Amino acid sequence: MEQIKGLLIDLDGTLYHGHKMIPGADLLIKGLREAGIPFLFVTNNSSRTAANVAAHLCGMGIDAKAEEVCTSSMAAARYIAEESPGAAVAILGEEGLHVACTEAGLRIVTDSPDYVLQGIDRSFNYTSLSQASRWILGGAKFVLTNPDLMLPSDDGIMPGAGTIGAAIEAASGVSPVVIGKPESHLIKFATDLLNIEPEHAVVVGDNMRTDIAAGVNAGCRTVLVFTGLTNAENLDHYKNLTGISPDEICADLTELKTFLGV
């Protein structure tokens, strides 16, 4: 891959599993720094702030800075702020979403919003569903940070932001604008942060349906790593399911590091 000007690296399933670093993740990031290759950690996770994400990575031994983190919350807040500066936003979500909206200059409200912005929300209930659907039916624009239906956790699989979004969509009859992977908004936000064109960026991830699809949708090149969801046994299944193929495949992060020449 010639003319690489930046890497957009997925997190869960690519650099770590939960609280455990995937072998070679620390050396990969160290190598990228030493080679002077710009990169960002790009995640659909909307619950954590950039500082929280960086701290989580550092806690596992992966060197990371808050300014190197790009979340679906940040991209969603930017999307709204560009479309309607200073808009009134009702948030169904957690700390990462609140911080991102505040930093983007949006007004967080609890009534009569211009936008309903929803991410993972572990306090979501019937009242939340009723309010959100009423606001949307009343004309508020529905924005969803990411469409992940299920999430891994220390206690097992749990419903993701996409599951909550599906409930709101069913209640309101309105489909949301989706920001995170596999849509292109998050990836294009990341390339803007790196000040590069999408065709000069490489998306690295373990998930054909989100990471690789988002890279393709945004016009980036892609590298699939067999460190998480996708592996040699199910690759053809995901190729058929998505109708896409990665530009390159690496068995692990050591192979990726060698491929990148770092």
Foldseek 3Di string as FASTA:
>chain_A
DPLAQEEEEEDDLAQAPAQEGFPPQQVLQVLCVVVVRHYAHEYLDQADQLQRVQVSCVSNPRHDDSLRYFYLLLLQLQVCCVVPNQFEEEEQYHDSNVVNNVVSNHHYDDDLGQAYEYWFHPVDDPVNLVRLLVNVLVHRAYAYSAQQQWDQDPVGIDGTRNVVQVSSCVSNVDHHHYQAFPDQSRVVVSCVSSPHQLCSYEFEEADLRGRVNNSVNRNHAYEHEPRGDDDPVCQVVSCVVRVDDHPYYYDGNVRVSVVVVD
